[in-house]
Amino acid sequence: MGDLLLRGIDDSLKKQLQANANMHGRSLSDEAIALLRQSLGRQQDGSKSAGQRLRAVLGAEKLSEEEIEAINAFRNAPDRDPPHFE
């Protein structure tokens, strides 16, 4: 594993990072690594469409004919009347 040295970090940023680390029960280094992984993961996911991200979560799940019919019935159902308040 490699090492990374960060210089010139504001004291307030370091305090905030330490507070987050304490809250999550991690060391300062482990918290920084977790935040870097989280941030880089978001950037990579940002290049994918919403459908692609959803497919990655759901996998190759296919809806049954009954589920598709229920979705279509819901989509085509008339809107209900809004409630009346007196």
N, C-alpha and C. Protein backbone atom coordinates (compact mmCIF):
# COMPACT_ATOMS: atom_id res chain seq x y z
N MET A 1 0.84 -1.18 0.00
CA MET A 1 0.00 0.00 0.00
C MET A 1 0.88 1.24 0.00
N GLY A 2 0.44 2.24 -0.69
CA GLY A 2 1.18 3.49 -0.75
C GLY A 2 0.79 4.44 0.36
N ASP A 3 1.57 5.48 0.47
CA ASP A 3 1.31 6.53 1.45
C ASP A 3 1.00 7.82 0.71
N LEU A 4 0.24 8.68 1.35
CA LEU A 4 -0.11 9.98 0.79
C LEU A 4 0.05 11.02 1.90
N LEU A 5 0.81 12.05 1.62
CA LEU A 5 1.03 13.12 2.59
C LEU A 5 0.34 14.37 2.07
N LEU A 6 -0.54 14.94 2.86
CA LEU A 6 -1.25 16.16 2.47
C LEU A 6 -0.69 17.31 3.29
N ARG A 7 -0.30 18.37 2.61
CA ARG A 7 0.25 19.54 3.29
C ARG A 7 -0.69 20.73 3.08
N GLY A 8 -0.61 21.68 3.97
CA GLY A 8 -1.35 22.93 3.82
C GLY A 8 -2.84 22.80 4.09
N ILE A 9 -3.24 21.87 4.92
CA ILE A 9 -4.65 21.70 5.25
C ILE A 9 -5.03 22.71 6.33
N ASP A 10 -6.12 23.43 6.12
CA ASP A 10 -6.60 24.39 7.12
C ASP A 10 -6.90 23.67 8.43
N ASP A 11 -6.65 24.36 9.53
CA ASP A 11 -6.93 23.78 10.84
C ASP A 11 -8.41 23.42 10.99
N SER A 12 -9.29 24.27 10.44
CA SER A 12 -10.72 24.01 10.56
C SER A 12 -11.11 22.75 9.78
N LEU A 13 -10.49 22.53 8.63
CA LEU A 13 -10.77 21.33 7.85
C LEU A 13 -10.28 20.09 8.58
N LYS A 14 -9.11 20.18 9.17
CA LYS A 14 -8.57 19.05 9.93
C LYS A 14 -9.45 18.74 11.14
N LYS A 15 -9.94 19.77 11.82
CA LYS A 15 -10.83 19.56 12.96
C LYS A 15 -12.13 18.90 12.53
N GLN A 16 -12.65 19.35 11.40
CA GLN A 16 -13.89 18.77 10.89
C GLN A 16 -13.68 17.30 10.51
N LEU A 17 -12.55 17.01 9.87
CA LEU A 17 -12.23 15.63 9.51
C LEU A 17 -12.07 14.77 10.76
N GLN A 18 -11.42 15.31 11.78
CA GLN A 18 -11.23 14.56 13.03
C GLN A 18 -12.57 14.32 13.71
N ALA A 19 -13.46 15.32 13.68
CA ALA A 19 -14.79 15.15 14.28
C ALA A 19 -15.57 14.05 13.55
N ASN A 20 -15.50 14.05 12.22
CA ASN A 20 -16.17 13.00 11.44
C ASN A 20 -15.57 11.63 11.77
N ALA A 21 -14.25 11.58 11.87
CA ALA A 21 -13.58 10.32 12.20
C ALA A 21 -14.04 9.81 13.56
N ASN A 22 -14.12 10.69 14.54
CA ASN A 22 -14.58 10.29 15.87
C ASN A 22 -16.02 9.79 15.82
N MET A 23 -16.85 10.47 15.05
CA MET A 23 -18.25 10.09 14.95
C MET A 23 -18.40 8.70 14.32
N HIS A 24 -17.54 8.38 13.37
CA HIS A 24 -17.61 7.09 12.68
C HIS A 24 -16.71 6.02 13.32
N GLY A 25 -16.02 6.39 14.40
CA GLY A 25 -15.16 5.42 15.07
C GLY A 25 -13.94 5.03 14.26
N ARG A 26 -13.41 5.99 13.50
CA ARG A 26 -12.25 5.71 12.65
C ARG A 26 -11.09 6.62 13.03
N SER A 27 -9.92 6.24 12.56
CA SER A 27 -8.76 7.13 12.71
C SER A 27 -8.89 8.25 11.69
N LEU A 28 -8.08 9.27 11.87
CA LEU A 28 -8.07 10.39 10.93
C LEU A 28 -7.73 9.90 9.53
N SER A 29 -6.74 9.04 9.41
CA SER A 29 -6.33 8.50 8.11
C SER A 29 -7.44 7.66 7.48
N ASP A 30 -8.06 6.80 8.28
CA ASP A 30 -9.13 5.95 7.76
C ASP A 30 -10.32 6.78 7.29
N GLU A 31 -10.62 7.85 8.01
CA GLU A 31 -11.73 8.73 7.60
C GLU A 31 -11.40 9.42 6.28
N ALA A 32 -10.16 9.89 6.14
CA ALA A 32 -9.75 10.54 4.89
C ALA A 32 -9.83 9.56 3.73
N ILE A 33 -9.39 8.33 3.94
CA ILE A 33 -9.46 7.31 2.89
C ILE A 33 -10.90 7.03 2.51
N ALA A 34 -11.78 6.90 3.51
CA ALA A 34 -13.20 6.63 3.24
C ALA A 34 -13.82 7.76 2.42
N LEU A 35 -13.50 9.00 2.77
CA LEU A 35 -14.05 10.14 2.04
C LEU A 35 -13.50 10.21 0.61
N LEU A 36 -12.24 9.89 0.44
CA LEU A 36 -11.66 9.85 -0.91
C LEU A 36 -12.34 8.78 -1.76
N ARG A 37 -12.51 7.60 -1.19
CA ARG A 37 -13.18 6.52 -1.94
C ARG A 37 -14.61 6.91 -2.31
N GLN A 38 -15.31 7.49 -1.35
CA GLN A 38 -16.70 7.91 -1.59
C GLN A 38 -16.76 8.95 -2.70
N SER A 39 -15.88 9.93 -2.64
CA SER A 39 -15.86 11.00 -3.63
C SER A 39 -15.51 10.48 -5.01
N LEU A 40 -14.50 9.64 -5.10
CA LEU A 40 -14.09 9.10 -6.39
C LEU A 40 -15.16 8.18 -6.96
N GLY A 41 -15.86 7.45 -6.11
CA GLY A 41 -16.95 6.60 -6.57
C GLY A 41 -18.08 7.41 -7.17
N ARG A 42 -18.38 8.55 -6.57
CA ARG A 42 -19.44 9.42 -7.10
C ARG A 42 -19.05 9.97 -8.46
N GLN A 43 -17.80 10.35 -8.62
CA GLN A 43 -17.36 10.90 -9.90
C GLN A 43 -17.47 9.85 -10.99
N GLN A 44 -17.10 8.62 -10.69
CA GLN A 44 -17.20 7.57 -11.69
C GLN A 44 -18.65 7.27 -12.02
N ASP A 45 -19.52 7.25 -11.01
CA ASP A 45 -20.93 6.99 -11.25
C ASP A 45 -21.59 8.13 -12.00
N GLY A 46 -21.05 9.35 -11.89
CA GLY A 46 -21.64 10.50 -12.55
C GLY A 46 -21.62 10.41 -14.06
N SER A 47 -20.72 9.59 -14.61
CA SER A 47 -20.64 9.46 -16.06
C SER A 47 -21.68 8.49 -16.59
N LYS A 48 -22.34 7.76 -15.70
CA LYS A 48 -23.35 6.80 -16.11
C LYS A 48 -24.73 7.45 -16.05
N SER A 49 -25.62 6.96 -16.88
CA SER A 49 -26.99 7.46 -16.85
C SER A 49 -27.71 6.88 -15.63
N ALA A 50 -28.84 7.44 -15.31
CA ALA A 50 -29.62 6.95 -14.17
C ALA A 50 -30.03 5.50 -14.40
N GLY A 51 -30.39 5.18 -15.62
CA GLY A 51 -30.77 3.80 -15.94
C GLY A 51 -29.62 2.83 -15.75
N GLN A 52 -28.42 3.24 -16.16
CA GLN A 52 -27.24 2.38 -15.98
C GLN A 52 -26.93 2.17 -14.51
N ARG A 53 -27.05 3.23 -13.70
CA ARG A 53 -26.80 3.09 -12.26
C ARG A 53 -27.84 2.18 -11.62
N LEU A 54 -29.09 2.32 -12.04
CA LEU A 54 -30.15 1.47 -11.51
C LEU A 54 -29.92 0.02 -11.90
N ARG A 55 -29.52 -0.22 -13.14
CA ARG A 55 -29.25 -1.58 -13.60
C ARG A 55 -28.09 -2.18 -12.79
N ALA A 56 -27.09 -1.37 -12.44
CA ALA A 56 -25.96 -1.86 -11.65
C ALA A 56 -26.42 -2.31 -10.27
N VAL A 57 -27.43 -1.63 -9.72
CA VAL A 57 -27.94 -1.99 -8.40
C VAL A 57 -28.85 -3.21 -8.50
N LEU A 58 -29.73 -3.22 -9.49
CA LEU A 58 -30.72 -4.29 -9.60
C LEU A 58 -30.19 -5.52 -10.32
N GLY A 59 -29.13 -5.36 -11.09
CA GLY A 59 -28.61 -6.49 -11.85
C GLY A 59 -29.50 -6.78 -13.03
N ALA A 60 -29.60 -8.02 -13.37
CA ALA A 60 -30.37 -8.43 -14.55
C ALA A 60 -31.80 -8.81 -14.19
N GLU A 61 -32.33 -8.25 -13.13
CA GLU A 61 -33.70 -8.55 -12.72
C GLU A 61 -34.68 -8.20 -13.84
N LYS A 62 -35.61 -9.07 -14.06
CA LYS A 62 -36.65 -8.84 -15.05
C LYS A 62 -37.99 -8.80 -14.34
N LEU A 63 -38.85 -7.90 -14.80
CA LEU A 63 -40.19 -7.82 -14.23
C LEU A 63 -41.06 -8.91 -14.85
N SER A 64 -41.96 -9.44 -14.06
CA SER A 64 -42.91 -10.43 -14.58
C SER A 64 -43.98 -9.70 -15.38
N GLU A 65 -44.72 -10.45 -16.17
CA GLU A 65 -45.81 -9.86 -16.95
C GLU A 65 -46.83 -9.20 -16.03
N GLU A 66 -47.11 -9.83 -14.90
CA GLU A 66 -48.07 -9.27 -13.94
C GLU A 66 -47.58 -7.93 -13.41
N GLU A 67 -46.28 -7.83 -13.10
CA GLU A 67 -45.73 -6.58 -12.60
C GLU A 67 -45.79 -5.49 -13.65
N ILE A 68 -45.49 -5.84 -14.89
CA ILE A 68 -45.55 -4.86 -15.98
C ILE A 68 -46.98 -4.39 -16.19
N GLU A 69 -47.94 -5.31 -16.14
CA GLU A 69 -49.35 -4.94 -16.30
C GLU A 69 -49.80 -4.02 -15.15
N ALA A 70 -49.36 -4.31 -13.94
CA ALA A 70 -49.73 -3.48 -12.79
C ALA A 70 -49.15 -2.07 -12.94
N ILE A 71 -47.92 -1.97 -13.41
CA ILE A 71 -47.30 -0.66 -13.62
C ILE A 71 -48.05 0.11 -14.69
N ASN A 72 -48.37 -0.55 -15.80
CA ASN A 72 -49.11 0.12 -16.87
C ASN A 72 -50.50 0.54 -16.42
N ALA A 73 -51.16 -0.29 -15.63
CA ALA A 73 -52.49 0.08 -15.12
C ALA A 73 -52.39 1.30 -14.23
N PHE A 74 -51.38 1.36 -13.40
CA PHE A 74 -51.19 2.51 -12.52
C PHE A 74 -50.92 3.77 -13.34
N ARG A 75 -50.08 3.65 -14.36
CA ARG A 75 -49.75 4.80 -15.20
C ARG A 75 -50.97 5.32 -15.95
N ASN A 76 -51.83 4.41 -16.38
CA ASN A 76 -52.98 4.80 -17.19
C ASN A 76 -54.23 5.10 -16.38
N ALA A 77 -54.18 4.90 -15.08
CA ALA A 77 -55.35 5.15 -14.24
C ALA A 77 -55.60 6.65 -14.15
N PRO A 78 -56.88 7.04 -14.12
CA PRO A 78 -57.17 8.48 -13.99
C PRO A 78 -56.72 8.98 -12.62
N ASP A 79 -56.34 10.22 -12.59
CA ASP A 79 -55.95 10.82 -11.32
C ASP A 79 -57.16 10.89 -10.41
N ARG A 80 -56.93 10.69 -9.13
CA ARG A 80 -58.04 10.79 -8.19
C ARG A 80 -58.30 12.26 -7.91
N ASP A 81 -59.51 12.55 -7.47
CA ASP A 81 -59.85 13.92 -7.13
C ASP A 81 -59.07 14.36 -5.90
N PRO A 82 -58.62 15.59 -5.90
CA PRO A 82 -57.91 16.07 -4.71
C PRO A 82 -58.88 16.15 -3.53
N PRO A 83 -58.38 16.03 -2.32
CA PRO A 83 -59.26 16.11 -1.15
C PRO A 83 -59.83 17.52 -1.01
N HIS A 84 -61.05 17.58 -0.47
CA HIS A 84 -61.70 18.87 -0.24
C HIS A 84 -61.62 19.19 1.25
N PHE A 85 -61.14 20.37 1.56
CA PHE A 85 -61.05 20.80 2.95
C PHE A 85 -62.05 21.92 3.17
N GLU A 86 -62.78 21.82 4.25
CA GLU A 86 -63.78 22.84 4.52
C GLU A 86 -63.42 23.63 5.74
